[in-house]
Amino acid sequence: MLTDDGKPPAEDARYAVAGDCLENRGTHAKPVMFTIPCSDTKADYKVMFSATSQGKCPPEFDEYTERGGRTGDTTLCLTKVRH
C-alpha cells in the first residue's frame, strides 16, 4: 500500500530494528516516533539496538520507550542523525 505521495505509510517505532531511522512528530518532552528511510531529511534518530529486555540504554545513547501494545513496552537506543 502506498500513500498519496507514493511513499509507504509510516510505521510505529515499536516495529523498528537496528539500522532503521525515526522521525519525531511530537515534541522533545512527548515524542511520537515513526520509522522512515534514513535518506529522508526528516530522519531525527537512528536505532542502534533494542534495549527492551534490559529496559535501559547505556548513557551515551538517547532512549525512546513506546508503552503498551500486544508485546508490551519497546525500548530503543538511538543516536541523532546528522544531515
C-alpha atoms as a PDB file:
ATOM      1  CA  MET A   1       0.000   0.000   0.000  1.00  0.00           C
ATOM      2  CA  LEU A   2       1.277   3.490  -0.885  1.00  0.00           C
ATOM      3  CA  THR A   3       0.155   6.894   0.315  1.00  0.00           C
ATOM      4  CA  ASP A   4      -0.837   9.779  -1.993  1.00  0.00           C
ATOM      5  CA  ASP A   5       2.799  10.882  -2.256  1.00  0.00           C
ATOM      6  CA  GLY A   6       3.865   7.426  -3.491  1.00  0.00           C
ATOM      7  CA  LYS A   7       5.672   6.512  -0.268  1.00  0.00           C
ATOM      8  CA  PRO A   8       4.753   3.620   2.024  1.00  0.00           C
ATOM      9  CA  PRO A   9       2.858   4.702   5.161  1.00  0.00           C
ATOM     10  CA  ALA A  10       4.917   5.421   8.283  1.00  0.00           C
ATOM     11  CA  GLU A  11       5.215   2.606  10.792  1.00  0.00           C
ATOM     12  CA  ASP A  12       5.157   2.979  14.558  1.00  0.00           C
ATOM     13  CA  ALA A  13       8.621   2.976  16.092  1.00  0.00           C
ATOM     14  CA  ARG A  14       7.713  -0.157  18.090  1.00  0.00           C
ATOM     15  CA  TYR A  15       8.487  -2.199  14.955  1.00  0.00           C
ATOM     16  CA  ALA A  16      11.873  -0.532  14.303  1.00  0.00           C
ATOM     17  CA  VAL A  17      15.050  -2.597  14.283  1.00  0.00           C
ATOM     18  CA  ALA A  18      18.743  -1.704  14.418  1.00  0.00           C
ATOM     19  CA  GLY A  19      19.645   0.433  11.400  1.00  0.00           C
ATOM     20  CA  ASP A  20      16.173   1.949  10.968  1.00  0.00           C
ATOM     21  CA  CYS A  21      15.687   5.704  11.268  1.00  0.00           C
ATOM     22  CA  LEU A  22      12.947   7.549  13.127  1.00  0.00           C
ATOM     23  CA  GLU A  23      11.160  10.856  12.748  1.00  0.00           C
ATOM     24  CA  ASN A  24       9.792  12.548  15.868  1.00  0.00           C
ATOM     25  CA  ARG A  25       6.378  14.010  15.001  1.00  0.00           C
ATOM     26  CA  GLY A  26       5.731  15.002  18.602  1.00  0.00           C
ATOM     27  CA  THR A  27       7.789  17.173  20.928  1.00  0.00           C
ATOM     28  CA  HIS A  28      11.011  16.532  22.808  1.00  0.00           C
ATOM     29  CA  ALA A  29       9.015  16.042  26.022  1.00  0.00           C
ATOM     30  CA  LYS A  30       6.333  13.890  24.347  1.00  0.00           C
ATOM     31  CA  PRO A  31       7.887  12.217  21.321  1.00  0.00           C
ATOM     32  CA  VAL A  32       5.771  10.433  18.722  1.00  0.00           C
ATOM     33  CA  MET A  33       8.188   8.374  16.648  1.00  0.00           C
ATOM     34  CA  PHE A  34       7.698   6.792  13.239  1.00  0.00           C
ATOM     35  CA  THR A  35      10.069   4.690  11.126  1.00  0.00           C
ATOM     36  CA  ILE A  36      11.167   6.454   7.930  1.00  0.00           C
ATOM     37  CA  PRO A  37      14.001   5.940   5.414  1.00  0.00           C
ATOM     38  CA  CYS A  38      17.391   7.116   6.688  1.00  0.00           C
ATOM     39  CA  SER A  39      17.846   9.069   3.452  1.00  0.00           C
ATOM     40  CA  ASP A  40      14.840  11.247   4.348  1.00  0.00           C
ATOM     41  CA  THR A  41      15.880  14.688   5.635  1.00  0.00           C
ATOM     42  CA  LYS A  42      13.175  14.379   8.322  1.00  0.00           C
ATOM     43  CA  ALA A  43      15.027  11.482   9.984  1.00  0.00           C
ATOM     44  CA  ASP A  44      15.908  12.571  13.518  1.00  0.00           C
ATOM     45  CA  TYR A  45      17.337   9.384  15.054  1.00  0.00           C
ATOM     46  CA  LYS A  46      18.915   6.092  14.042  1.00  0.00           C
ATOM     47  CA  VAL A  47      18.115   2.931  16.017  1.00  0.00           C
ATOM     48  CA  MET A  48      21.340   1.378  17.267  1.00  0.00           C
ATOM     49  CA  PHE A  49      19.737  -1.541  19.144  1.00  0.00           C
ATOM     50  CA  SER A  50      16.748  -2.576  21.225  1.00  0.00           C
ATOM     51  CA  ALA A  51      17.067  -2.494  24.995  1.00  0.00           C
ATOM     52  CA  THR A  52      13.609  -3.971  25.556  1.00  0.00           C
ATOM     53  CA  SER A  53      14.955  -6.949  27.522  1.00  0.00           C
ATOM     54  CA  GLN A  54      17.204  -4.743  29.733  1.00  0.00           C
ATOM     55  CA  GLY A  55      14.783  -1.822  29.909  1.00  0.00           C
ATOM     56  CA  LYS A  56      17.561   0.828  29.800  1.00  0.00           C
ATOM     57  CA  CYS A  57      20.062   2.140  27.284  1.00  0.00           C
ATOM     58  CA  PRO A  58      23.697   2.941  28.087  1.00  0.00           C
ATOM     59  CA  PRO A  59      24.145   6.653  28.917  1.00  0.00           C
ATOM     60  CA  GLU A  60      25.808   7.502  25.580  1.00  0.00           C
ATOM     61  CA  PHE A  61      22.529   6.802  23.723  1.00  0.00           C
ATOM     62  CA  ASP A  62      19.188   8.591  23.613  1.00  0.00           C
ATOM     63  CA  GLU A  63      16.394   6.327  24.808  1.00  0.00           C
ATOM     64  CA  TYR A  64      12.863   6.002  23.480  1.00  0.00           C
ATOM     65  CA  THR A  65      10.220   3.778  25.064  1.00  0.00           C
ATOM     66  CA  GLU A  66       6.871   3.086  23.475  1.00  0.00           C
ATOM     67  CA  ARG A  67       4.415   1.817  26.061  1.00  0.00           C
ATOM     68  CA  GLY A  68       1.812  -0.911  25.691  1.00  0.00           C
ATOM     69  CA  GLY A  69       0.847  -2.901  22.671  1.00  0.00           C
ATOM     70  CA  ARG A  70       0.412  -6.633  22.311  1.00  0.00           C
ATOM     71  CA  THR A  71       4.084  -7.289  23.001  1.00  0.00           C
ATOM     72  CA  GLY A  72       4.423  -4.850  25.916  1.00  0.00           C
ATOM     73  CA  ASP A  73       6.835  -1.916  26.103  1.00  0.00           C
ATOM     74  CA  THR A  74       9.506  -1.362  23.448  1.00  0.00           C
ATOM     75  CA  THR A  75      12.748   0.451  24.372  1.00  0.00           C
ATOM     76  CA  LEU A  76      15.102   1.618  21.614  1.00  0.00           C
ATOM     77  CA  CYS A  77      18.623   3.051  21.961  1.00  0.00           C
ATOM     78  CA  LEU A  78      19.162   5.887  19.487  1.00  0.00           C
ATOM     79  CA  THR A  79      21.740   8.259  18.091  1.00  0.00           C
ATOM     80  CA  LYS A  80      20.938  11.564  16.399  1.00  0.00           C
ATOM     81  CA  VAL A  81      21.063  11.628  12.595  1.00  0.00           C
ATOM     82  CA  ARG A  82      23.392  14.262  11.167  1.00  0.00           C
ATOM     83  CA  HIS A  83      22.305  15.562   7.733  1.00  0.00           C
END
